[in-house]
Amino acid sequence: MSARFAARIFGALTALVAVFQLALALGAPWGAVAMGGAFPGVYPPAMRLAALFQILILGVVALVVFVRAGLVFPRWRVAARWPAWVVVVLLAVGVVLNLITPSGLERLIWAPVAALLFLASLRVALET
């Protein structure tokens, strides 16, 4: 699989996660499948803000992956080498957290997504 294709997969999955976070921020009663199920139902106001912040982080992470893959700002591709590895490490941690969450539904839904994000980011980071 090419790095560009992996980056596109990464982008699609990141968009899915961002839409989920936006739904949480707007009051969707899906708290049981996020943050270990600590806030079942509708998120409290502070967690809604946290969900919006997570969207911002997702955007930055996706930008790093897109730059490293050469999809955007191709002149910055080499400069994105180390930030891409930071993304890989963050997503590896995300896989572990999604596998050990007390929420079975969260594990079922988000662990595979986290694993795919990790693998796609790893493929992009390995690009020479």
N, C-alpha and C. Protein backbone atom coordinates (compact mmCIF):
# COMPACT_ATOMS: atom_id res chain seq x y z
N MET A 1 0.85 -1.17 0.00
CA MET A 1 0.00 0.00 0.00
C MET A 1 0.90 1.23 0.00
N SER A 2 0.56 2.20 -0.82
CA SER A 2 1.36 3.42 -0.89
C SER A 2 1.08 4.32 0.32
N ALA A 3 2.02 5.18 0.60
CA ALA A 3 1.85 6.13 1.70
C ALA A 3 0.68 7.07 1.43
N ARG A 4 0.50 7.44 0.19
CA ARG A 4 -0.63 8.33 -0.14
C ARG A 4 -1.96 7.65 0.11
N PHE A 5 -2.07 6.39 -0.27
CA PHE A 5 -3.31 5.65 -0.02
C PHE A 5 -3.55 5.49 1.48
N ALA A 6 -2.48 5.16 2.21
CA ALA A 6 -2.59 5.03 3.67
C ALA A 6 -3.03 6.36 4.29
N ALA A 7 -2.52 7.46 3.77
CA ALA A 7 -2.90 8.78 4.29
C ALA A 7 -4.38 9.07 4.00
N ARG A 8 -4.86 8.63 2.87
CA ARG A 8 -6.29 8.84 2.54
C ARG A 8 -7.17 8.01 3.48
N ILE A 9 -6.76 6.78 3.75
CA ILE A 9 -7.49 5.96 4.72
C ILE A 9 -7.47 6.64 6.08
N PHE A 10 -6.29 7.13 6.45
CA PHE A 10 -6.14 7.85 7.71
C PHE A 10 -7.10 9.04 7.76
N GLY A 11 -7.17 9.78 6.67
CA GLY A 11 -8.05 10.94 6.62
C GLY A 11 -9.52 10.57 6.78
N ALA A 12 -9.93 9.50 6.12
CA ALA A 12 -11.33 9.08 6.21
C ALA A 12 -11.67 8.64 7.64
N LEU A 13 -10.78 7.87 8.25
CA LEU A 13 -11.03 7.42 9.62
C LEU A 13 -10.98 8.58 10.61
N THR A 14 -10.07 9.50 10.39
CA THR A 14 -9.98 10.68 11.26
C THR A 14 -11.25 11.52 11.14
N ALA A 15 -11.76 11.65 9.94
CA ALA A 15 -13.02 12.38 9.74
C ALA A 15 -14.16 11.70 10.50
N LEU A 16 -14.19 10.38 10.47
CA LEU A 16 -15.22 9.64 11.21
C LEU A 16 -15.12 9.93 12.70
N VAL A 17 -13.91 9.88 13.24
CA VAL A 17 -13.72 10.15 14.67
C VAL A 17 -14.10 11.60 14.99
N ALA A 18 -13.73 12.52 14.11
CA ALA A 18 -14.06 13.93 14.34
C ALA A 18 -15.57 14.16 14.34
N VAL A 19 -16.28 13.50 13.44
CA VAL A 19 -17.74 13.62 13.41
C VAL A 19 -18.34 13.07 14.70
N PHE A 20 -17.80 11.95 15.18
CA PHE A 20 -18.25 11.38 16.45
C PHE A 20 -18.03 12.38 17.59
N GLN A 21 -16.84 12.97 17.63
CA GLN A 21 -16.55 13.95 18.68
C GLN A 21 -17.46 15.17 18.57
N LEU A 22 -17.73 15.61 17.36
CA LEU A 22 -18.65 16.74 17.17
C LEU A 22 -20.04 16.37 17.67
N ALA A 23 -20.48 15.17 17.37
CA ALA A 23 -21.79 14.73 17.86
C ALA A 23 -21.83 14.74 19.39
N LEU A 24 -20.76 14.27 20.02
CA LEU A 24 -20.70 14.31 21.48
C LEU A 24 -20.77 15.75 21.98
N ALA A 25 -20.02 16.63 21.32
CA ALA A 25 -20.01 18.04 21.73
C ALA A 25 -21.37 18.70 21.56
N LEU A 26 -22.13 18.24 20.58
CA LEU A 26 -23.46 18.81 20.32
C LEU A 26 -24.57 18.15 21.13
N GLY A 27 -24.20 17.14 21.94
CA GLY A 27 -25.19 16.57 22.84
C GLY A 27 -25.69 15.18 22.50
N ALA A 28 -25.05 14.50 21.57
CA ALA A 28 -25.46 13.12 21.29
C ALA A 28 -25.24 12.27 22.55
N PRO A 29 -26.17 11.38 22.86
CA PRO A 29 -26.07 10.60 24.11
C PRO A 29 -25.18 9.36 23.97
N TRP A 30 -23.97 9.56 23.48
CA TRP A 30 -23.06 8.45 23.20
C TRP A 30 -21.88 8.38 24.15
N GLY A 31 -21.98 9.00 25.29
CA GLY A 31 -20.89 9.02 26.25
C GLY A 31 -20.43 7.65 26.71
N ALA A 32 -21.31 6.67 26.63
CA ALA A 32 -20.94 5.31 27.07
C ALA A 32 -19.88 4.68 26.17
N VAL A 33 -19.70 5.20 24.96
CA VAL A 33 -18.71 4.63 24.04
C VAL A 33 -17.52 5.56 23.85
N ALA A 34 -17.25 6.39 24.85
CA ALA A 34 -16.11 7.30 24.81
C ALA A 34 -15.59 7.49 26.23
N MET A 35 -14.31 7.80 26.33
CA MET A 35 -13.68 8.09 27.63
C MET A 35 -13.94 6.99 28.66
N GLY A 36 -13.90 5.75 28.21
CA GLY A 36 -14.09 4.63 29.12
C GLY A 36 -15.50 4.49 29.64
N GLY A 37 -16.44 5.20 29.03
CA GLY A 37 -17.83 5.15 29.49
C GLY A 37 -18.06 5.92 30.77
N ALA A 38 -17.10 6.78 31.14
CA ALA A 38 -17.20 7.53 32.40
C ALA A 38 -18.35 8.53 32.43
N PHE A 39 -18.82 8.92 31.26
CA PHE A 39 -19.90 9.90 31.18
C PHE A 39 -21.01 9.35 30.28
N PRO A 40 -21.74 8.33 30.73
CA PRO A 40 -22.79 7.74 29.87
C PRO A 40 -23.86 8.77 29.56
N GLY A 41 -24.43 8.63 28.40
CA GLY A 41 -25.46 9.59 27.98
C GLY A 41 -24.82 10.83 27.40
N VAL A 42 -25.43 11.96 27.65
CA VAL A 42 -24.96 13.24 27.13
C VAL A 42 -23.77 13.71 27.97
N TYR A 43 -22.74 14.15 27.29
CA TYR A 43 -21.56 14.69 27.98
C TYR A 43 -21.92 15.94 28.78
N PRO A 44 -21.29 16.13 29.95
CA PRO A 44 -21.43 17.41 30.67
C PRO A 44 -20.68 18.50 29.89
N PRO A 45 -20.95 19.77 30.21
CA PRO A 45 -20.35 20.87 29.44
C PRO A 45 -18.82 20.80 29.30
N ALA A 46 -18.11 20.49 30.36
CA ALA A 46 -16.65 20.45 30.28
C ALA A 46 -16.18 19.37 29.29
N MET A 47 -16.86 18.25 29.26
CA MET A 47 -16.49 17.18 28.34
C MET A 47 -16.86 17.53 26.90
N ARG A 48 -17.90 18.33 26.73
CA ARG A 48 -18.26 18.80 25.38
C ARG A 48 -17.15 19.68 24.83
N LEU A 49 -16.59 20.52 25.69
CA LEU A 49 -15.45 21.35 25.27
C LEU A 49 -14.24 20.47 24.96
N ALA A 50 -14.03 19.45 25.76
CA ALA A 50 -12.92 18.51 25.53
C ALA A 50 -13.10 17.82 24.17
N ALA A 51 -14.32 17.48 23.82
CA ALA A 51 -14.58 16.84 22.53
C ALA A 51 -14.23 17.79 21.39
N LEU A 52 -14.54 19.07 21.54
CA LEU A 52 -14.17 20.05 20.52
C LEU A 52 -12.65 20.18 20.42
N PHE A 53 -11.98 20.16 21.55
CA PHE A 53 -10.52 20.22 21.56
C PHE A 53 -9.93 18.99 20.86
N GLN A 54 -10.55 17.84 21.06
CA GLN A 54 -10.07 16.62 20.39
C GLN A 54 -10.20 16.74 18.88
N ILE A 55 -11.22 17.44 18.40
CA ILE A 55 -11.36 17.65 16.97
C ILE A 55 -10.18 18.46 16.45
N LEU A 56 -9.79 19.48 17.20
CA LEU A 56 -8.63 20.29 16.83
C LEU A 56 -7.37 19.43 16.77
N ILE A 57 -7.17 18.60 17.77
CA ILE A 57 -6.00 17.72 17.80
C ILE A 57 -6.03 16.76 16.61
N LEU A 58 -7.19 16.20 16.32
CA LEU A 58 -7.33 15.31 15.17
C LEU A 58 -6.94 16.01 13.88
N GLY A 59 -7.33 17.27 13.75
CA GLY A 59 -6.99 18.04 12.56
C GLY A 59 -5.49 18.23 12.41
N VAL A 60 -4.83 18.54 13.50
CA VAL A 60 -3.37 18.73 13.47
C VAL A 60 -2.68 17.41 13.12
N VAL A 61 -3.13 16.33 13.74
CA VAL A 61 -2.54 15.01 13.48
C VAL A 61 -2.74 14.63 12.01
N ALA A 62 -3.93 14.85 11.49
CA ALA A 62 -4.19 14.53 10.08
C ALA A 62 -3.32 15.38 9.16
N LEU A 63 -3.14 16.64 9.50
CA LEU A 63 -2.29 17.51 8.70
C LEU A 63 -0.87 16.98 8.64
N VAL A 64 -0.34 16.54 9.77
CA VAL A 64 1.01 15.97 9.80
C VAL A 64 1.09 14.75 8.87
N VAL A 65 0.11 13.88 8.94
CA VAL A 65 0.10 12.67 8.11
C VAL A 65 -0.01 13.05 6.64
N PHE A 66 -0.86 13.99 6.31
CA PHE A 66 -1.02 14.42 4.91
C PHE A 66 0.25 15.06 4.38
N VAL A 67 0.90 15.87 5.19
CA VAL A 67 2.15 16.50 4.77
C VAL A 67 3.22 15.43 4.53
N ARG A 68 3.36 14.52 5.47
CA ARG A 68 4.38 13.48 5.35
C ARG A 68 4.14 12.60 4.12
N ALA A 69 2.88 12.38 3.78
CA ALA A 69 2.55 11.57 2.60
C ALA A 69 2.67 12.36 1.30
N GLY A 70 2.85 13.66 1.41
CA GLY A 70 2.97 14.48 0.22
C GLY A 70 1.64 14.89 -0.39
N LEU A 71 0.55 14.74 0.35
CA LEU A 71 -0.77 15.12 -0.16
C LEU A 71 -1.00 16.63 -0.10
N VAL A 72 -0.42 17.27 0.90
CA VAL A 72 -0.50 18.73 1.03
C VAL A 72 0.89 19.25 1.40
N PHE A 73 1.15 20.48 1.06
CA PHE A 73 2.44 21.13 1.37
C PHE A 73 3.63 20.20 1.12
N PRO A 74 3.78 19.73 -0.11
CA PRO A 74 4.82 18.73 -0.40
C PRO A 74 6.25 19.19 -0.05
N ARG A 75 6.49 20.48 -0.04
CA ARG A 75 7.83 20.96 0.31
C ARG A 75 8.15 20.74 1.79
N TRP A 76 7.14 20.51 2.60
CA TRP A 76 7.33 20.29 4.04
C TRP A 76 7.45 18.80 4.38
N ARG A 77 7.38 17.96 3.35
CA ARG A 77 7.35 16.51 3.56
C ARG A 77 8.50 16.01 4.43
N VAL A 78 9.72 16.44 4.13
CA VAL A 78 10.88 15.99 4.90
C VAL A 78 10.81 16.52 6.33
N ALA A 79 10.37 17.75 6.49
CA ALA A 79 10.27 18.35 7.83
C ALA A 79 9.23 17.62 8.69
N ALA A 80 8.30 16.93 8.06
CA ALA A 80 7.25 16.22 8.80
C ALA A 80 7.68 14.83 9.25
N ARG A 81 8.92 14.46 8.98
CA ARG A 81 9.38 13.11 9.34
C ARG A 81 9.22 12.84 10.84
N TRP A 82 9.81 13.69 11.69
CA TRP A 82 9.72 13.46 13.14
C TRP A 82 8.32 13.68 13.69
N PRO A 83 7.62 14.72 13.27
CA PRO A 83 6.23 14.84 13.74
C PRO A 83 5.38 13.62 13.38
N ALA A 84 5.66 13.00 12.23
CA ALA A 84 4.90 11.80 11.84
C ALA A 84 5.15 10.67 12.84
N TRP A 85 6.37 10.57 13.35
CA TRP A 85 6.66 9.52 14.34
C TRP A 85 6.00 9.84 15.68
N VAL A 86 5.86 11.10 15.99
CA VAL A 86 5.12 11.49 17.20
C VAL A 86 3.67 11.01 17.07
N VAL A 87 3.10 11.21 15.87
CA VAL A 87 1.73 10.74 15.61
C VAL A 87 1.64 9.23 15.79
N VAL A 88 2.60 8.50 15.26
CA VAL A 88 2.60 7.04 15.39
C VAL A 88 2.60 6.63 16.86
N VAL A 89 3.44 7.27 17.66
CA VAL A 89 3.51 6.93 19.09
C VAL A 89 2.19 7.26 19.77
N LEU A 90 1.63 8.44 19.49
CA LEU A 90 0.34 8.82 20.09
C LEU A 90 -0.75 7.81 19.74
N LEU A 91 -0.74 7.36 18.50
CA LEU A 91 -1.77 6.41 18.08
C LEU A 91 -1.53 5.02 18.66
N ALA A 92 -0.28 4.65 18.88
CA ALA A 92 0.01 3.38 19.56
C ALA A 92 -0.56 3.42 20.97
N VAL A 93 -0.38 4.54 21.65
CA VAL A 93 -0.97 4.71 22.98
C VAL A 93 -2.49 4.64 22.88
N GLY A 94 -3.05 5.25 21.85
CA GLY A 94 -4.50 5.21 21.65
C GLY A 94 -5.03 3.79 21.46
N VAL A 95 -4.28 2.96 20.76
CA VAL A 95 -4.68 1.56 20.59
C VAL A 95 -4.73 0.87 21.94
N VAL A 96 -3.69 1.05 22.73
CA VAL A 96 -3.64 0.41 24.05
C VAL A 96 -4.80 0.90 24.91
N LEU A 97 -5.02 2.20 24.94
CA LEU A 97 -6.11 2.75 25.77
C LEU A 97 -7.47 2.22 25.32
N ASN A 98 -7.66 2.07 24.01
CA ASN A 98 -8.94 1.54 23.52
C ASN A 98 -9.08 0.05 23.78
N LEU A 99 -7.99 -0.65 23.94
CA LEU A 99 -8.05 -2.08 24.27
C LEU A 99 -8.29 -2.33 25.75
N ILE A 100 -7.89 -1.39 26.61
CA ILE A 100 -8.03 -1.61 28.05
C ILE A 100 -9.19 -0.83 28.66
N THR A 101 -9.95 -0.12 27.85
CA THR A 101 -11.07 0.65 28.38
C THR A 101 -12.08 -0.26 29.08
N PRO A 102 -12.67 0.23 30.16
CA PRO A 102 -13.70 -0.58 30.83
C PRO A 102 -15.00 -0.69 30.02
N SER A 103 -15.15 0.15 29.02
CA SER A 103 -16.36 0.12 28.20
C SER A 103 -16.21 -0.91 27.08
N GLY A 104 -16.95 -2.00 27.19
CA GLY A 104 -16.89 -3.04 26.17
C GLY A 104 -17.31 -2.55 24.80
N LEU A 105 -18.31 -1.70 24.75
CA LEU A 105 -18.77 -1.16 23.48
C LEU A 105 -17.71 -0.25 22.86
N GLU A 106 -17.05 0.52 23.69
CA GLU A 106 -15.97 1.38 23.19
C GLU A 106 -14.84 0.53 22.62
N ARG A 107 -14.49 -0.55 23.32
CA ARG A 107 -13.46 -1.47 22.83
C ARG A 107 -13.85 -2.04 21.48
N LEU A 108 -15.09 -2.46 21.38
CA LEU A 108 -15.58 -3.08 20.15
C LEU A 108 -15.55 -2.11 18.97
N ILE A 109 -15.95 -0.87 19.20
CA ILE A 109 -16.04 0.12 18.11
C ILE A 109 -14.69 0.79 17.83
N TRP A 110 -14.05 1.31 18.87
CA TRP A 110 -12.92 2.21 18.65
C TRP A 110 -11.56 1.53 18.64
N ALA A 111 -11.41 0.36 19.24
CA ALA A 111 -10.10 -0.31 19.17
C ALA A 111 -9.72 -0.64 17.73
N PRO A 112 -10.62 -1.19 16.92
CA PRO A 112 -10.25 -1.44 15.52
C PRO A 112 -9.95 -0.15 14.74
N VAL A 113 -10.71 0.90 15.02
CA VAL A 113 -10.46 2.18 14.34
C VAL A 113 -9.09 2.70 14.76
N ALA A 114 -8.78 2.65 16.04
CA ALA A 114 -7.48 3.11 16.53
C ALA A 114 -6.35 2.29 15.91
N ALA A 115 -6.56 0.99 15.79
CA ALA A 115 -5.53 0.12 15.19
C ALA A 115 -5.30 0.48 13.72
N LEU A 116 -6.37 0.72 12.99
CA LEU A 116 -6.24 1.11 11.58
C LEU A 116 -5.56 2.47 11.44
N LEU A 117 -5.91 3.41 12.31
CA LEU A 117 -5.24 4.71 12.30
C LEU A 117 -3.75 4.54 12.57
N PHE A 118 -3.42 3.73 13.55
CA PHE A 118 -2.02 3.46 13.88
C PHE A 118 -1.28 2.88 12.68
N LEU A 119 -1.86 1.84 12.06
CA LEU A 119 -1.19 1.18 10.93
C LEU A 119 -1.03 2.13 9.75
N ALA A 120 -2.05 2.93 9.49
CA ALA A 120 -1.96 3.88 8.37
C ALA A 120 -0.89 4.93 8.66
N SER A 121 -0.85 5.43 9.89
CA SER A 121 0.17 6.43 10.23
C SER A 121 1.57 5.83 10.19
N LEU A 122 1.70 4.58 10.60
CA LEU A 122 2.99 3.90 10.55
C LEU A 122 3.46 3.78 9.11
N ARG A 123 2.55 3.39 8.22
CA ARG A 123 2.92 3.27 6.80
C ARG A 123 3.40 4.61 6.27
N VAL A 124 2.73 5.68 6.62
CA VAL A 124 3.13 7.01 6.14
C VAL A 124 4.47 7.39 6.76
N ALA A 125 4.65 7.16 8.04
CA ALA A 125 5.91 7.52 8.70
C ALA A 125 7.10 6.75 8.13
N LEU A 126 6.87 5.54 7.68
CA LEU A 126 7.95 4.73 7.11
C LEU A 126 8.34 5.15 5.70
N GLU A 127 7.59 6.03 5.10
CA GLU A 127 7.88 6.50 3.74
C GLU A 127 9.24 7.19 3.72
N THR A 128 10.05 6.84 2.73
CA THR A 128 11.38 7.44 2.63
C THR A 128 11.40 8.66 1.75
